[in-house]
Amino acid sequence: MNLRAPLTASADPARRMPEGQGARLDVANAAVSSLRQEQRRLERLGFETPLARCHEQLRFWEFVQAVCSLEPKVRT
């Protein structure tokens, strides 16, 4: 088992982020959402180690989400 592997496909930090500000925020939102769902599932099952990994990945993606939401709006 790879402990560095993302718990959900949308939470893969190795995947390339899109160019557009809105698209980057969409990626971060999808990752956070999928990890929150996974967190609830792991809590119900009582899996402590995967739950700790999920929490770690969720913190990372919540940070990315916050940074993406702070980017200035680009006017065209």
Protein backbone atom coordinates (compact mmCIF):
# COMPACT_ATOMS: atom_id res chain seq x y z
CA MET A 1 0.00 0.00 0.00
CA ASN A 2 1.37 3.40 -1.01
CA LEU A 3 0.88 5.82 1.87
CA ARG A 4 1.53 8.79 -0.41
CA ALA A 5 -1.13 7.85 -2.95
CA PRO A 6 -4.17 10.15 -3.07
CA LEU A 7 -7.28 8.73 -1.44
CA THR A 8 -9.51 9.99 -4.24
CA ALA A 9 -8.80 10.60 -7.92
CA SER A 10 -9.71 14.27 -7.74
CA ALA A 11 -7.32 14.79 -4.80
CA ASP A 12 -4.18 13.80 -6.70
CA PRO A 13 -1.62 16.57 -6.07
CA ALA A 14 0.49 15.33 -8.98
CA ARG A 15 -2.15 16.18 -11.56
CA ARG A 16 -1.64 19.36 -13.50
CA MET A 17 -3.59 22.41 -12.41
CA PRO A 18 -5.51 24.22 -15.15
CA GLU A 19 -4.46 27.63 -16.42
CA GLY A 20 -7.63 29.53 -15.56
CA GLN A 21 -8.35 30.88 -12.10
CA GLY A 22 -11.91 29.55 -12.03
CA ALA A 23 -10.83 26.13 -13.25
CA ARG A 24 -8.14 25.93 -10.55
CA LEU A 25 -10.71 26.75 -7.90
CA ASP A 26 -13.04 24.10 -9.36
CA VAL A 27 -10.26 21.49 -9.08
CA ALA A 28 -9.57 22.45 -5.45
CA ASN A 29 -13.29 22.42 -4.61
CA ALA A 30 -13.70 18.97 -6.16
CA ALA A 31 -10.72 17.62 -4.22
CA VAL A 32 -12.02 19.01 -0.91
CA SER A 33 -15.50 17.68 -1.56
CA SER A 34 -14.30 14.19 -2.46
CA LEU A 35 -12.01 14.04 0.57
CA ARG A 36 -14.80 15.14 2.91
CA GLN A 37 -16.97 12.34 1.56
CA GLU A 38 -14.12 9.87 2.01
CA GLN A 39 -13.53 11.17 5.53
CA ARG A 40 -17.17 10.48 6.48
CA ARG A 41 -16.93 6.99 4.98
CA LEU A 42 -13.71 6.20 6.86
CA GLU A 43 -15.19 7.51 10.12
CA ARG A 44 -18.18 5.20 9.74
CA LEU A 45 -15.87 2.25 9.08
CA GLY A 46 -13.51 3.14 11.94
CA PHE A 47 -10.31 3.02 9.86
CA GLU A 48 -7.90 5.17 11.86
CA THR A 49 -4.77 5.15 9.68
CA PRO A 50 -6.56 5.93 6.41
CA LEU A 51 -8.59 8.56 8.27
CA ALA A 52 -5.37 10.25 9.41
CA ARG A 53 -4.09 10.22 5.80
CA CYS A 54 -7.39 11.66 4.64
CA HIS A 55 -7.16 14.45 7.20
CA GLU A 56 -3.63 15.26 6.01
CA GLN A 57 -4.70 15.38 2.36
CA LEU A 58 -7.79 17.41 3.23
CA ARG A 59 -5.66 20.03 5.01
CA PHE A 60 -3.45 20.34 1.93
CA TRP A 61 -6.39 20.76 -0.45
CA GLU A 62 -8.17 23.21 1.87
CA PHE A 63 -4.99 25.30 1.76
CA VAL A 64 -4.91 25.10 -2.05
CA GLN A 65 -8.60 26.02 -2.12
CA ALA A 66 -7.96 29.08 0.07
CA VAL A 67 -5.03 30.23 -2.08
CA CYS A 68 -7.05 29.79 -5.27
CA SER A 69 -9.92 31.80 -3.83
CA LEU A 70 -7.56 34.68 -2.96
CA GLU A 71 -6.28 35.15 -6.49
CA PRO A 72 -7.26 38.52 -7.95
CA LYS A 73 -10.00 38.47 -10.54
CA VAL A 74 -8.58 38.75 -14.03
CA ARG A 75 -10.49 41.09 -16.30
CA THR A 76 -10.43 40.55 -20.01
